[in-house]
Amino acid sequence: MLNCRRCNSERLLELARLDGGDHWVYRCRDCGFLFSPPEGHVAGENVIPAPTPDGPEEARRRLAELATVRSRPAAAPIR
């Protein structure tokens, strides 16, 4: 079974890969830590699988949308 390397939690989320050659990456649902397991490691039943995009181009488009949203200036603080 795969555990978080920081807090040893078993509550993990599998992140989507853009290409088949990319490494698997997991996010801990408790502490938010991102990590890749050693080669050949099997995730186990405790991992929520990543949503499958319609293809690599669709995944890249979604990432570009996220980057656009994150690059917008923050609103002025409310006083």
N, C-alpha and C. Protein backbone atom coordinates (compact mmCIF):
# COMPACT_ATOMS: atom_id res chain seq x y z
N MET A 1 0.85 -1.17 0.00
CA MET A 1 0.00 0.00 0.00
C MET A 1 0.90 1.24 0.00
N LEU A 2 0.47 2.25 -0.72
CA LEU A 2 1.22 3.49 -0.86
C LEU A 2 0.80 4.48 0.22
N ASN A 3 1.77 5.10 0.88
CA ASN A 3 1.51 6.09 1.93
C ASN A 3 2.23 7.39 1.59
N CYS A 4 1.73 8.49 2.15
CA CYS A 4 2.38 9.80 1.99
C CYS A 4 3.76 9.75 2.62
N ARG A 5 4.73 10.32 1.95
CA ARG A 5 6.10 10.32 2.48
C ARG A 5 6.28 11.33 3.60
N ARG A 6 5.39 12.30 3.71
CA ARG A 6 5.52 13.32 4.76
C ARG A 6 4.78 12.92 6.03
N CYS A 7 3.46 12.61 5.89
CA CYS A 7 2.65 12.37 7.10
C CYS A 7 2.21 10.92 7.25
N ASN A 8 2.58 10.06 6.30
CA ASN A 8 2.27 8.63 6.32
C ASN A 8 0.79 8.33 6.16
N SER A 9 0.00 9.30 5.66
CA SER A 9 -1.42 9.10 5.43
C SER A 9 -1.63 8.12 4.27
N GLU A 10 -2.74 7.43 4.32
CA GLU A 10 -3.11 6.52 3.23
C GLU A 10 -4.11 7.17 2.28
N ARG A 11 -4.54 8.41 2.56
CA ARG A 11 -5.55 9.10 1.74
C ARG A 11 -4.83 9.87 0.63
N LEU A 12 -4.74 9.27 -0.56
CA LEU A 12 -3.99 9.85 -1.68
C LEU A 12 -4.87 10.07 -2.89
N LEU A 13 -4.47 11.04 -3.70
CA LEU A 13 -5.14 11.34 -4.95
C LEU A 13 -4.12 11.21 -6.07
N GLU A 14 -4.43 10.41 -7.06
CA GLU A 14 -3.55 10.25 -8.22
C GLU A 14 -3.77 11.42 -9.16
N LEU A 15 -2.70 12.08 -9.59
CA LEU A 15 -2.81 13.19 -10.51
C LEU A 15 -2.66 12.70 -11.95
N ALA A 16 -3.36 13.34 -12.86
CA ALA A 16 -3.35 12.92 -14.27
C ALA A 16 -1.99 13.18 -14.90
N ARG A 17 -1.58 12.29 -15.80
CA ARG A 17 -0.33 12.44 -16.54
C ARG A 17 -0.65 12.98 -17.92
N LEU A 18 0.21 13.89 -18.43
CA LEU A 18 -0.01 14.42 -19.77
C LEU A 18 0.38 13.42 -20.84
N ASP A 19 1.48 12.73 -20.64
CA ASP A 19 1.96 11.76 -21.61
C ASP A 19 2.18 10.42 -20.92
N GLY A 20 2.14 9.36 -21.69
CA GLY A 20 2.32 8.02 -21.13
C GLY A 20 3.68 7.81 -20.49
N GLY A 21 4.69 8.58 -20.88
CA GLY A 21 6.03 8.42 -20.32
C GLY A 21 6.26 9.20 -19.05
N ASP A 22 5.30 10.02 -18.65
CA ASP A 22 5.44 10.81 -17.42
C ASP A 22 5.38 9.91 -16.19
N HIS A 23 6.02 10.34 -15.11
CA HIS A 23 5.97 9.60 -13.85
C HIS A 23 4.60 9.78 -13.21
N TRP A 24 4.19 8.80 -12.42
CA TRP A 24 2.97 8.92 -11.64
C TRP A 24 3.25 9.91 -10.51
N VAL A 25 2.30 10.77 -10.24
CA VAL A 25 2.42 11.74 -9.14
C VAL A 25 1.16 11.64 -8.30
N TYR A 26 1.35 11.69 -7.00
CA TYR A 26 0.25 11.59 -6.05
C TYR A 26 0.24 12.81 -5.14
N ARG A 27 -0.95 13.22 -4.70
CA ARG A 27 -1.10 14.30 -3.73
C ARG A 27 -1.77 13.71 -2.50
N CYS A 28 -1.18 13.99 -1.34
CA CYS A 28 -1.78 13.55 -0.08
C CYS A 28 -3.01 14.41 0.19
N ARG A 29 -4.12 13.78 0.48
CA ARG A 29 -5.36 14.51 0.75
C ARG A 29 -5.38 15.10 2.15
N ASP A 30 -4.43 14.72 3.01
CA ASP A 30 -4.37 15.26 4.36
C ASP A 30 -3.43 16.47 4.46
N CYS A 31 -2.20 16.33 3.94
CA CYS A 31 -1.22 17.42 4.09
C CYS A 31 -0.89 18.13 2.79
N GLY A 32 -1.34 17.61 1.63
CA GLY A 32 -1.11 18.27 0.35
C GLY A 32 0.23 17.97 -0.29
N PHE A 33 1.04 17.11 0.30
CA PHE A 33 2.37 16.79 -0.21
C PHE A 33 2.27 16.09 -1.57
N LEU A 34 3.12 16.50 -2.53
CA LEU A 34 3.19 15.87 -3.85
C LEU A 34 4.42 14.97 -3.90
N PHE A 35 4.26 13.76 -4.44
CA PHE A 35 5.40 12.86 -4.53
C PHE A 35 5.18 11.82 -5.63
N SER A 36 6.28 11.25 -6.09
CA SER A 36 6.26 10.14 -7.04
C SER A 36 6.79 8.91 -6.32
N PRO A 37 6.13 7.77 -6.46
CA PRO A 37 6.62 6.56 -5.80
C PRO A 37 7.82 5.99 -6.56
N PRO A 38 8.56 5.08 -5.94
CA PRO A 38 9.66 4.41 -6.64
C PRO A 38 9.14 3.64 -7.85
N GLU A 39 10.00 3.42 -8.85
CA GLU A 39 9.62 2.66 -10.05
C GLU A 39 9.04 1.30 -9.66
N GLY A 40 7.97 0.91 -10.33
CA GLY A 40 7.38 -0.40 -10.14
C GLY A 40 6.48 -0.52 -8.93
N HIS A 41 6.27 0.56 -8.20
CA HIS A 41 5.41 0.51 -7.01
C HIS A 41 3.95 0.56 -7.44
N VAL A 42 3.11 -0.26 -6.83
CA VAL A 42 1.69 -0.30 -7.14
C VAL A 42 0.95 0.55 -6.11
N ALA A 43 0.03 1.39 -6.58
CA ALA A 43 -0.65 2.34 -5.71
C ALA A 43 -1.50 1.66 -4.63
N GLY A 44 -2.39 0.78 -5.00
CA GLY A 44 -3.24 0.13 -4.02
C GLY A 44 -4.66 0.69 -4.03
N GLU A 45 -5.49 0.16 -3.15
CA GLU A 45 -6.90 0.53 -3.11
C GLU A 45 -7.17 1.87 -2.45
N ASN A 46 -6.20 2.41 -1.72
CA ASN A 46 -6.42 3.64 -0.98
C ASN A 46 -6.29 4.90 -1.83
N VAL A 47 -5.94 4.77 -3.11
CA VAL A 47 -5.70 5.91 -3.98
C VAL A 47 -6.93 6.18 -4.84
N ILE A 48 -7.35 7.45 -4.86
CA ILE A 48 -8.43 7.86 -5.75
C ILE A 48 -7.81 8.08 -7.13
N PRO A 49 -8.29 7.40 -8.17
CA PRO A 49 -7.69 7.54 -9.48
C PRO A 49 -7.94 8.92 -10.09
N ALA A 50 -7.02 9.32 -10.95
CA ALA A 50 -7.13 10.60 -11.64
C ALA A 50 -8.25 10.53 -12.67
N PRO A 51 -8.93 11.65 -12.88
CA PRO A 51 -9.91 11.67 -13.97
C PRO A 51 -9.17 11.57 -15.29
N THR A 52 -9.73 10.83 -16.21
CA THR A 52 -9.05 10.64 -17.48
C THR A 52 -9.48 11.72 -18.46
N PRO A 53 -8.53 12.54 -18.94
CA PRO A 53 -8.88 13.54 -19.94
C PRO A 53 -9.13 12.86 -21.28
N ASP A 54 -9.70 13.60 -22.19
CA ASP A 54 -10.00 13.05 -23.51
C ASP A 54 -8.74 12.78 -24.33
N GLY A 55 -7.62 13.21 -23.87
CA GLY A 55 -6.35 12.99 -24.54
C GLY A 55 -5.33 14.01 -24.06
N PRO A 56 -4.08 13.87 -24.49
CA PRO A 56 -3.02 14.79 -24.06
C PRO A 56 -3.32 16.24 -24.41
N GLU A 57 -3.91 16.48 -25.56
CA GLU A 57 -4.20 17.87 -25.96
C GLU A 57 -5.26 18.50 -25.06
N GLU A 58 -6.26 17.72 -24.67
CA GLU A 58 -7.28 18.21 -23.75
C GLU A 58 -6.66 18.52 -22.38
N ALA A 59 -5.77 17.67 -21.92
CA ALA A 59 -5.10 17.91 -20.63
C ALA A 59 -4.25 19.18 -20.69
N ARG A 60 -3.53 19.38 -21.79
CA ARG A 60 -2.72 20.60 -21.95
C ARG A 60 -3.60 21.84 -21.99
N ARG A 61 -4.75 21.75 -22.64
CA ARG A 61 -5.67 22.88 -22.70
C ARG A 61 -6.18 23.24 -21.30
N ARG A 62 -6.51 22.23 -20.51
CA ARG A 62 -6.97 22.49 -19.14
C ARG A 62 -5.87 23.12 -18.30
N LEU A 63 -4.63 22.66 -18.46
CA LEU A 63 -3.52 23.26 -17.72
C LEU A 63 -3.29 24.70 -18.13
N ALA A 64 -3.44 25.01 -19.42
CA ALA A 64 -3.28 26.38 -19.90
C ALA A 64 -4.37 27.27 -19.30
N GLU A 65 -5.59 26.76 -19.20
CA GLU A 65 -6.67 27.53 -18.58
C GLU A 65 -6.36 27.82 -17.11
N LEU A 66 -5.86 26.83 -16.40
CA LEU A 66 -5.50 27.03 -15.00
C LEU A 66 -4.39 28.07 -14.86
N ALA A 67 -3.39 28.01 -15.74
CA ALA A 67 -2.28 28.97 -15.68
C ALA A 67 -2.79 30.39 -15.93
N THR A 68 -3.75 30.54 -16.82
CA THR A 68 -4.32 31.86 -17.10
C THR A 68 -5.04 32.41 -15.87
N VAL A 69 -5.81 31.58 -15.22
CA VAL A 69 -6.55 32.01 -14.03
C VAL A 69 -5.58 32.38 -12.91
N ARG A 70 -4.53 31.59 -12.73
CA ARG A 70 -3.58 31.84 -11.65
C ARG A 70 -2.72 33.06 -11.92
N SER A 71 -2.57 33.48 -13.18
CA SER A 71 -1.71 34.62 -13.48
C SER A 71 -2.45 35.95 -13.37
N ARG A 72 -3.76 35.92 -13.16
CA ARG A 72 -4.52 37.16 -13.02
C ARG A 72 -4.15 37.84 -11.70
N PRO A 73 -4.11 39.17 -11.70
CA PRO A 73 -3.79 39.86 -10.44
C PRO A 73 -4.90 39.65 -9.40
N ALA A 74 -4.49 39.61 -8.18
CA ALA A 74 -5.45 39.42 -7.09
C ALA A 74 -6.26 40.69 -6.89
N ALA A 75 -7.45 40.55 -6.38
CA ALA A 75 -8.30 41.70 -6.10
C ALA A 75 -7.72 42.51 -4.94
N ALA A 76 -8.05 43.76 -4.91
CA ALA A 76 -7.57 44.62 -3.81
C ALA A 76 -8.17 44.14 -2.50
N PRO A 77 -7.41 44.24 -1.42
CA PRO A 77 -7.93 43.77 -0.13
C PRO A 77 -9.12 44.60 0.31
N ILE A 78 -10.05 43.96 0.97
CA ILE A 78 -11.24 44.63 1.49
C ILE A 78 -10.87 45.28 2.83
N ARG A 79 -11.25 46.54 2.98
CA ARG A 79 -10.92 47.25 4.23
C ARG A 79 -12.14 47.51 5.03
